[in-house]
Amino acid sequence: MSCKEVVDIKPASTTPQLVIEGKVTDQLAPQVVSITKSVPLANSNSYPTVSGAVVKITDQNNVTRTLIERSPGTYSSASFIGRMNLAYTLNVTVEGQTYTAKSVMPEKVLIDSIALSVQRFGNSTTKTILVFYQDAGNAANQYKFVLSINGVLVKQIFARNDQFNNGKFVQQLLYQDDIKLQSGDRVDIEMQCIDKNVYAYWYTFTQQGGGFNSTTPTNPPNNFNSDKVLGIFSAHTSQHKNIIIP
């Protein structure tokens, strides 16, 4: 019997909804928020952009940064570094409504190393990425791993926590069946340390939506103050490592 977390899932809506996706990271870079509209299942994956919003990010020290719409539906700040253990609030005013979301950037857990795992089943061979890291034992930790192969983002989403390995040295298998790994492929792994609300969003998304990298049409619980908006705002740390497949 496998262990599963029980999450209350709201049914997805077929009516177009506002989708806000934003982040603050610990990297010196513009912090970006995208605003689009969801589309029905039968439509293509082209999401209408939303322009003309007023977008601000405020930290718990009351430092506010106003984001500029650099391209339709994409808003970015001047470059700054997000700080660990600091709470950030996203404030978006659009179409006469104001939406807010709050996220706290956790302490950073570093990747120790990455490796390739090769499994053979009869005449077939499967190559999978392994990530090794030391989980911090002084607090609950949540992680999201983002995998790219030759610059192409895989569809699977990897959301993990330390429920069963708190304080342990972890060997994390990132199995995906979207892109078959071949010799010479360059694989980039991003490890994000995320807060509990962001983890709940991505975990529910993988359970309901099959792990594909999209905020629609599934409707997981997010950290916005309104159930009329989809998406997530995440303050998280970020670390990248890469490997060339032998």
C-alpha atoms as a PDB file:
ATOM      1  CA  MET A   1       0.000   0.000   0.000  1.00  0.00           C
ATOM      2  CA  SER A   2       1.388   3.411  -0.907  1.00  0.00           C
ATOM      3  CA  CYS A   3       1.010   6.510   1.253  1.00  0.00           C
ATOM      4  CA  LYS A   4      -0.851   9.477  -0.149  1.00  0.00           C
ATOM      5  CA  GLU A   5      -1.685  12.939   1.124  1.00  0.00           C
ATOM      6  CA  VAL A   6      -5.394  13.774   1.115  1.00  0.00           C
ATOM      7  CA  VAL A   7      -6.129  17.079  -0.632  1.00  0.00           C
ATOM      8  CA  ASP A   8      -9.532  18.665  -1.119  1.00  0.00           C
ATOM      9  CA  ILE A   9      -9.731  19.328  -4.876  1.00  0.00           C
ATOM     10  CA  LYS A  10     -12.187  21.764  -6.392  1.00  0.00           C
ATOM     11  CA  PRO A  11     -13.519  20.838  -9.822  1.00  0.00           C
ATOM     12  CA  ALA A  12     -12.038  22.724 -12.740  1.00  0.00           C
ATOM     13  CA  SER A  13     -14.087  25.453 -14.359  1.00  0.00           C
ATOM     14  CA  THR A  14     -14.776  25.658 -18.091  1.00  0.00           C
ATOM     15  CA  THR A  15     -15.427  29.410 -17.881  1.00  0.00           C
ATOM     16  CA  PRO A  16     -12.305  31.449 -18.746  1.00  0.00           C
ATOM     17  CA  GLN A  17     -10.617  32.638 -15.567  1.00  0.00           C
ATOM     18  CA  LEU A  18      -7.782  34.964 -14.747  1.00  0.00           C
ATOM     19  CA  VAL A  19      -4.439  33.159 -14.396  1.00  0.00           C
ATOM     20  CA  ILE A  20      -1.674  34.925 -12.438  1.00  0.00           C
ATOM     21  CA  GLU A  21       1.740  33.301 -12.166  1.00  0.00           C
ATOM     22  CA  GLY A  22       4.520  35.126 -10.328  1.00  0.00           C
ATOM     23  CA  LYS A  23       7.763  34.494  -8.524  1.00  0.00           C
ATOM     24  CA  VAL A  24      10.497  36.035  -6.410  1.00  0.00           C
ATOM     25  CA  THR A  25      13.785  34.130  -6.265  1.00  0.00           C
ATOM     26  CA  ASP A  26      17.120  34.499  -4.506  1.00  0.00           C
ATOM     27  CA  GLN A  27      18.823  35.215  -7.850  1.00  0.00           C
ATOM     28  CA  LEU A  28      19.796  38.730  -8.958  1.00  0.00           C
ATOM     29  CA  ALA A  29      17.360  39.141 -11.833  1.00  0.00           C
ATOM     30  CA  PRO A  30      14.082  40.806 -12.768  1.00  0.00           C
ATOM     31  CA  GLN A  31      11.228  39.123 -10.890  1.00  0.00           C
ATOM     32  CA  VAL A  32       8.422  38.264 -13.318  1.00  0.00           C
ATOM     33  CA  VAL A  33       4.631  37.995 -13.167  1.00  0.00           C
ATOM     34  CA  SER A  34       2.521  36.774 -16.098  1.00  0.00           C
ATOM     35  CA  ILE A  35      -1.223  37.362 -16.426  1.00  0.00           C
ATOM     36  CA  THR A  36      -3.345  35.397 -18.883  1.00  0.00           C
ATOM     37  CA  LYS A  37      -6.834  33.925 -19.241  1.00  0.00           C
ATOM     38  CA  SER A  38      -7.591  30.212 -19.069  1.00  0.00           C
ATOM     39  CA  VAL A  39      -9.110  28.431 -22.052  1.00  0.00           C
ATOM     40  CA  PRO A  40     -11.577  25.508 -22.352  1.00  0.00           C
ATOM     41  CA  LEU A  41     -10.161  22.004 -22.678  1.00  0.00           C
ATOM     42  CA  ALA A  42     -11.084  21.781 -26.356  1.00  0.00           C
ATOM     43  CA  ASN A  43      -9.055  24.881 -27.207  1.00  0.00           C
ATOM     44  CA  SER A  44      -5.362  25.055 -28.018  1.00  0.00           C
ATOM     45  CA  ASN A  45      -2.672  25.855 -25.440  1.00  0.00           C
ATOM     46  CA  SER A  46      -2.580  29.488 -26.537  1.00  0.00           C
ATOM     47  CA  TYR A  47      -3.670  31.538 -23.525  1.00  0.00           C
ATOM     48  CA  PRO A  48      -4.910  35.112 -24.090  1.00  0.00           C
ATOM     49  CA  THR A  49      -2.645  37.657 -22.389  1.00  0.00           C
ATOM     50  CA  VAL A  50      -3.995  40.360 -20.063  1.00  0.00           C
ATOM     51  CA  SER A  51      -2.574  43.862 -20.375  1.00  0.00           C
ATOM     52  CA  GLY A  52      -3.040  47.037 -18.364  1.00  0.00           C
ATOM     53  CA  ALA A  53      -2.699  45.558 -14.879  1.00  0.00           C
ATOM     54  CA  VAL A  54      -1.064  47.327 -11.943  1.00  0.00           C
ATOM     55  CA  VAL A  55       1.363  44.837 -10.414  1.00  0.00           C
ATOM     56  CA  LYS A  56       3.351  45.343  -7.201  1.00  0.00           C
ATOM     57  CA  ILE A  57       5.495  43.161  -4.952  1.00  0.00           C
ATOM     58  CA  THR A  58       5.930  44.210  -1.314  1.00  0.00           C
ATOM     59  CA  ASP A  59       8.182  42.523   1.238  1.00  0.00           C
ATOM     60  CA  GLN A  60       7.522  42.335   4.981  1.00  0.00           C
ATOM     61  CA  ASN A  61       9.790  45.348   5.499  1.00  0.00           C
ATOM     62  CA  ASN A  62       7.290  47.388   3.436  1.00  0.00           C
ATOM     63  CA  VAL A  63       9.630  47.771   0.468  1.00  0.00           C
ATOM     64  CA  THR A  64       7.367  47.931  -2.596  1.00  0.00           C
ATOM     65  CA  ARG A  65       8.442  47.387  -6.185  1.00  0.00           C
ATOM     66  CA  THR A  66       6.146  48.204  -9.109  1.00  0.00           C
ATOM     67  CA  LEU A  67       6.450  45.895 -12.097  1.00  0.00           C
ATOM     68  CA  ILE A  68       6.397  47.168 -15.682  1.00  0.00           C
ATOM     69  CA  GLU A  69       4.573  45.452 -18.538  1.00  0.00           C
ATOM     70  CA  ARG A  70       7.506  44.599 -20.816  1.00  0.00           C
ATOM     71  CA  SER A  71       5.409  42.588 -23.276  1.00  0.00           C
ATOM     72  CA  PRO A  72       1.683  41.772 -23.428  1.00  0.00           C
ATOM     73  CA  GLY A  73       0.711  40.057 -20.202  1.00  0.00           C
ATOM     74  CA  THR A  74       4.290  39.877 -18.861  1.00  0.00           C
ATOM     75  CA  TYR A  75       5.273  42.200 -16.017  1.00  0.00           C
ATOM     76  CA  SER A  76       8.775  42.444 -14.538  1.00  0.00           C
ATOM     77  CA  SER A  77      10.640  44.409 -11.902  1.00  0.00           C
ATOM     78  CA  ALA A  78      14.104  45.881 -11.908  1.00  0.00           C
ATOM     79  CA  SER A  79      16.661  43.268 -10.850  1.00  0.00           C
ATOM     80  CA  PHE A  80      16.750  42.447  -7.153  1.00  0.00           C
ATOM     81  CA  ILE A  81      17.543  39.480  -4.908  1.00  0.00           C
ATOM     82  CA  GLY A  82      14.833  37.870  -2.824  1.00  0.00           C
ATOM     83  CA  ARG A  83      15.838  37.115   0.764  1.00  0.00           C
ATOM     84  CA  MET A  84      15.335  33.876   2.676  1.00  0.00           C
ATOM     85  CA  ASN A  85      12.850  33.913   5.593  1.00  0.00           C
ATOM     86  CA  LEU A  86      11.231  37.048   4.165  1.00  0.00           C
ATOM     87  CA  ALA A  87       7.535  37.211   3.269  1.00  0.00           C
ATOM     88  CA  TYR A  88       6.538  38.723  -0.074  1.00  0.00           C
ATOM     89  CA  THR A  89       3.063  39.871  -1.106  1.00  0.00           C
ATOM     90  CA  LEU A  90       1.964  40.141  -4.716  1.00  0.00           C
ATOM     91  CA  ASN A  91      -0.736  42.727  -5.413  1.00  0.00           C
ATOM     92  CA  VAL A  92      -2.436  42.737  -8.830  1.00  0.00           C
ATOM     93  CA  THR A  93      -5.173  45.184  -9.824  1.00  0.00           C
ATOM     94  CA  VAL A  94      -6.798  44.276 -13.120  1.00  0.00           C
ATOM     95  CA  GLU A  95     -10.250  44.612 -14.689  1.00  0.00           C
ATOM     96  CA  GLY A  96     -11.511  46.546 -11.669  1.00  0.00           C
ATOM     97  CA  GLN A  97     -10.524  43.865  -9.131  1.00  0.00           C
ATOM     98  CA  THR A  98      -7.536  43.499  -6.786  1.00  0.00           C
ATOM     99  CA  TYR A  99      -5.928  40.137  -6.036  1.00  0.00           C
ATOM    100  CA  THR A 100      -3.223  39.428  -3.474  1.00  0.00           C
ATOM    101  CA  ALA A 101      -1.055  36.424  -2.671  1.00  0.00           C
ATOM    102  CA  LYS A 102       1.631  35.898  -0.047  1.00  0.00           C
ATOM    103  CA  SER A 103       4.643  33.592  -0.007  1.00  0.00           C
ATOM    104  CA  VAL A 104       7.592  33.184   2.367  1.00  0.00           C
ATOM    105  CA  MET A 105      10.984  32.271   0.912  1.00  0.00           C
ATOM    106  CA  PRO A 106      12.351  29.251   2.833  1.00  0.00           C
ATOM    107  CA  GLU A 107      15.928  28.510   3.831  1.00  0.00           C
ATOM    108  CA  LYS A 108      17.992  27.180   0.940  1.00  0.00           C
ATOM    109  CA  VAL A 109      18.880  23.504   0.683  1.00  0.00           C
ATOM    110  CA  LEU A 110      21.679  22.865  -1.817  1.00  0.00           C
ATOM    111  CA  ILE A 111      22.056  20.108  -4.376  1.00  0.00           C
ATOM    112  CA  ASP A 112      24.960  17.892  -3.389  1.00  0.00           C
ATOM    113  CA  SER A 113      25.341  16.194  -6.771  1.00  0.00           C
ATOM    114  CA  ILE A 114      23.437  14.735  -9.706  1.00  0.00           C
ATOM    115  CA  ALA A 115      23.852  11.439 -11.521  1.00  0.00           C
ATOM    116  CA  LEU A 116      22.370   9.234 -14.217  1.00  0.00           C
ATOM    117  CA  SER A 117      20.443   6.073 -13.344  1.00  0.00           C
ATOM    118  CA  VAL A 118      20.139   3.408 -16.049  1.00  0.00           C
ATOM    119  CA  GLN A 119      17.428   0.747 -15.756  1.00  0.00           C
ATOM    120  CA  ARG A 120      17.284  -2.199 -18.150  1.00  0.00           C
ATOM    121  CA  PHE A 121      14.060  -4.115 -18.764  1.00  0.00           C
ATOM    122  CA  GLY A 122      14.622  -6.905 -21.262  1.00  0.00           C
ATOM    123  CA  ASN A 123      15.842  -5.254 -24.461  1.00  0.00           C
ATOM    124  CA  SER A 124      14.824  -1.719 -23.433  1.00  0.00           C
ATOM    125  CA  THR A 125      16.878   0.820 -21.471  1.00  0.00           C
ATOM    126  CA  THR A 126      15.530   3.758 -19.475  1.00  0.00           C
ATOM    127  CA  LYS A 127      17.750   6.633 -18.343  1.00  0.00           C
ATOM    128  CA  THR A 128      16.649   8.732 -15.378  1.00  0.00           C
ATOM    129  CA  ILE A 129      18.177  11.643 -13.480  1.00  0.00           C
ATOM    130  CA  LEU A 130      19.066  11.329  -9.787  1.00  0.00           C
ATOM    131  CA  VAL A 131      19.476  14.330  -7.496  1.00  0.00           C
ATOM    132  CA  PHE A 132      21.294  14.031  -4.167  1.00  0.00           C
ATOM    133  CA  TYR A 133      20.885  16.535  -1.333  1.00  0.00           C
ATOM    134  CA  GLN A 134      21.008  16.809   2.446  1.00  0.00           C
ATOM    135  CA  ASP A 135      17.592  17.664   3.825  1.00  0.00           C
ATOM    136  CA  ALA A 136      17.616  20.153   6.697  1.00  0.00           C
ATOM    137  CA  GLY A 137      16.325  18.487   9.852  1.00  0.00           C
ATOM    138  CA  ASN A 138      15.372  21.612  11.791  1.00  0.00           C
ATOM    139  CA  ALA A 139      12.162  22.368   9.859  1.00  0.00           C
ATOM    140  CA  ALA A 140       9.695  20.945   7.361  1.00  0.00           C
ATOM    141  CA  ASN A 141      11.011  21.376   3.826  1.00  0.00           C
ATOM    142  CA  GLN A 142       9.269  21.360   0.463  1.00  0.00           C
ATOM    143  CA  TYR A 143      10.901  21.190  -2.946  1.00  0.00           C
ATOM    144  CA  LYS A 144      10.078  21.558  -6.614  1.00  0.00           C
ATOM    145  CA  PHE A 145      12.411  20.240  -9.300  1.00  0.00           C
ATOM    146  CA  VAL A 146      12.327  21.612 -12.850  1.00  0.00           C
ATOM    147  CA  LEU A 147      13.901  19.486 -15.568  1.00  0.00           C
ATOM    148  CA  SER A 148      14.975  20.703 -19.028  1.00  0.00           C
ATOM    149  CA  ILE A 149      16.518  18.600 -21.797  1.00  0.00           C
ATOM    150  CA  ASN A 150      18.439  20.463 -24.509  1.00  0.00           C
ATOM    151  CA  GLY A 151      16.610  23.622 -23.478  1.00  0.00           C
ATOM    152  CA  VAL A 152      13.148  22.015 -23.661  1.00  0.00           C
ATOM    153  CA  LEU A 153      11.124  21.893 -20.430  1.00  0.00           C
ATOM    154  CA  VAL A 154       9.703  18.441 -19.692  1.00  0.00           C
ATOM    155  CA  LYS A 155       5.989  18.262 -18.945  1.00  0.00           C
ATOM    156  CA  GLN A 156       6.293  16.409 -15.649  1.00  0.00           C
ATOM    157  CA  ILE A 157       6.316  18.439 -12.434  1.00  0.00           C
ATOM    158  CA  PHE A 158       8.231  17.142  -9.426  1.00  0.00           C
ATOM    159  CA  ALA A 159       6.922  18.374  -6.051  1.00  0.00           C
ATOM    160  CA  ARG A 160       8.434  16.708  -2.995  1.00  0.00           C
ATOM    161  CA  ASN A 161       8.524  17.200   0.779  1.00  0.00           C
ATOM    162  CA  ASP A 162      10.535  15.680   3.637  1.00  0.00           C
ATOM    163  CA  GLN A 163       7.681  13.867   5.354  1.00  0.00           C
ATOM    164  CA  PHE A 164       9.594  10.569   5.269  1.00  0.00           C
ATOM    165  CA  ASN A 165      13.205  11.777   5.027  1.00  0.00           C
ATOM    166  CA  ASN A 166      13.460  14.772   7.344  1.00  0.00           C
ATOM    167  CA  GLY A 167      17.127  15.483   8.105  1.00  0.00           C
ATOM    168  CA  LYS A 168      18.348  12.635   5.887  1.00  0.00           C
ATOM    169  CA  PHE A 169      20.644  12.508   2.872  1.00  0.00           C
ATOM    170  CA  VAL A 170      18.165  12.121   0.018  1.00  0.00           C
ATOM    171  CA  GLN A 171      18.481  10.334  -3.298  1.00  0.00           C
ATOM    172  CA  GLN A 172      15.670  11.772  -5.448  1.00  0.00           C
ATOM    173  CA  LEU A 173      14.728  10.019  -8.681  1.00  0.00           C
ATOM    174  CA  LEU A 174      13.255  12.374 -11.304  1.00  0.00           C
ATOM    175  CA  TYR A 175      11.471   9.910 -13.546  1.00  0.00           C
ATOM    176  CA  GLN A 176       9.842  11.381 -16.639  1.00  0.00           C
ATOM    177  CA  ASP A 177       8.474   9.823 -19.812  1.00  0.00           C
ATOM    178  CA  ASP A 178       8.085  12.999 -21.837  1.00  0.00           C
ATOM    179  CA  ILE A 179      11.497  13.146 -23.531  1.00  0.00           C
ATOM    180  CA  LYS A 180      13.641  10.026 -23.880  1.00  0.00           C
ATOM    181  CA  LEU A 181      17.196  10.722 -22.777  1.00  0.00           C
ATOM    182  CA  GLN A 182      19.881  10.073 -25.386  1.00  0.00           C
ATOM    183  CA  SER A 183      23.674  10.155 -25.259  1.00  0.00           C
ATOM    184  CA  GLY A 184      24.917  13.714 -25.698  1.00  0.00           C
ATOM    185  CA  ASP A 185      21.767  15.340 -24.300  1.00  0.00           C
ATOM    186  CA  ARG A 186      22.341  18.266 -21.955  1.00  0.00           C
ATOM    187  CA  VAL A 187      20.060  18.106 -18.916  1.00  0.00           C
ATOM    188  CA  ASP A 188      19.489  21.071 -16.613  1.00  0.00           C
ATOM    189  CA  ILE A 189      17.990  20.557 -13.158  1.00  0.00           C
ATOM    190  CA  GLU A 190      16.642  23.436 -11.098  1.00  0.00           C
ATOM    191  CA  MET A 191      15.965  22.767  -7.425  1.00  0.00           C
ATOM    192  CA  GLN A 192      13.536  25.174  -5.766  1.00  0.00           C
ATOM    193  CA  CYS A 193      12.897  25.362  -2.028  1.00  0.00           C
ATOM    194  CA  ILE A 194       9.223  26.344  -1.735  1.00  0.00           C
ATOM    195  CA  ASP A 195       6.812  27.112   1.094  1.00  0.00           C
ATOM    196  CA  LYS A 196       3.928  24.866   2.197  1.00  0.00           C
ATOM    197  CA  ASN A 197       1.191  26.654   0.233  1.00  0.00           C
ATOM    198  CA  VAL A 198       3.180  26.518  -2.997  1.00  0.00           C
ATOM    199  CA  TYR A 199       3.935  22.835  -2.406  1.00  0.00           C
ATOM    200  CA  ALA A 200       0.225  22.111  -1.849  1.00  0.00           C
ATOM    201  CA  TYR A 201      -0.547  23.773  -5.184  1.00  0.00           C
ATOM    202  CA  TRP A 202       2.013  21.798  -7.180  1.00  0.00           C
ATOM    203  CA  TYR A 203       1.365  18.504  -5.368  1.00  0.00           C
ATOM    204  CA  THR A 204      -2.375  18.775  -6.010  1.00  0.00           C
ATOM    205  CA  PHE A 205      -1.664  19.737  -9.584  1.00  0.00           C
ATOM    206  CA  THR A 206       0.435  16.619 -10.177  1.00  0.00           C
ATOM    207  CA  GLN A 207      -2.271  14.415  -8.641  1.00  0.00           C
ATOM    208  CA  GLN A 208      -5.140  15.931 -10.609  1.00  0.00           C
ATOM    209  CA  GLY A 209      -3.458  17.021 -13.807  1.00  0.00           C
ATOM    210  CA  GLY A 210      -0.984  14.203 -14.334  1.00  0.00           C
ATOM    211  CA  GLY A 211       2.069  16.370 -13.689  1.00  0.00           C
ATOM    212  CA  PHE A 212       1.914  18.426 -16.873  1.00  0.00           C
ATOM    213  CA  ASN A 213       3.371  21.903 -16.679  1.00  0.00           C
ATOM    214  CA  SER A 214       0.263  24.092 -16.922  1.00  0.00           C
ATOM    215  CA  THR A 215      -2.021  25.919 -14.531  1.00  0.00           C
ATOM    216  CA  THR A 216      -5.164  25.067 -16.518  1.00  0.00           C
ATOM    217  CA  PRO A 217      -7.581  23.317 -16.783  1.00  0.00           C
ATOM    218  CA  THR A 218      -7.023  21.884 -13.287  1.00  0.00           C
ATOM    219  CA  ASN A 219      -7.923  24.101 -10.351  1.00  0.00           C
ATOM    220  CA  PRO A 220      -5.644  23.306  -7.380  1.00  0.00           C
ATOM    221  CA  PRO A 221      -5.724  25.382  -4.164  1.00  0.00           C
ATOM    222  CA  ASN A 222      -3.510  28.428  -4.525  1.00  0.00           C
ATOM    223  CA  ASN A 223      -2.367  31.266  -2.243  1.00  0.00           C
ATOM    224  CA  PHE A 224      -4.504  34.059  -3.711  1.00  0.00           C
ATOM    225  CA  ASN A 225      -7.222  35.786  -1.704  1.00  0.00           C
ATOM    226  CA  SER A 226      -9.891  34.936  -4.283  1.00  0.00           C
ATOM    227  CA  ASP A 227     -11.195  31.699  -5.779  1.00  0.00           C
ATOM    228  CA  LYS A 228     -11.806  33.595  -9.020  1.00  0.00           C
ATOM    229  CA  VAL A 229      -8.138  33.530  -9.985  1.00  0.00           C
ATOM    230  CA  LEU A 230      -5.916  30.587 -10.961  1.00  0.00           C
ATOM    231  CA  GLY A 231      -2.148  30.325 -10.737  1.00  0.00           C
ATOM    232  CA  ILE A 232       0.399  30.681  -7.948  1.00  0.00           C
ATOM    233  CA  PHE A 233       2.798  33.241  -6.464  1.00  0.00           C
ATOM    234  CA  SER A 234       6.025  31.659  -5.211  1.00  0.00           C
ATOM    235  CA  ALA A 235       8.935  33.111  -3.262  1.00  0.00           C
ATOM    236  CA  HIS A 236      11.579  30.405  -3.554  1.00  0.00           C
ATOM    237  CA  THR A 237      15.282  29.722  -3.728  1.00  0.00           C
ATOM    238  CA  SER A 238      16.790  28.468  -6.956  1.00  0.00           C
ATOM    239  CA  GLN A 239      19.836  26.386  -7.810  1.00  0.00           C
ATOM    240  CA  HIS A 240      20.814  24.875 -11.157  1.00  0.00           C
ATOM    241  CA  LYS A 241      23.067  21.949 -12.018  1.00  0.00           C
ATOM    242  CA  ASN A 242      23.499  20.213 -15.350  1.00  0.00           C
ATOM    243  CA  ILE A 243      24.798  16.962 -16.764  1.00  0.00           C
ATOM    244  CA  ILE A 244      25.695  15.659 -20.229  1.00  0.00           C
ATOM    245  CA  ILE A 245      24.222  12.197 -20.809  1.00  0.00           C
ATOM    246  CA  PRO A 246      27.056   9.734 -21.587  1.00  0.00           C
END
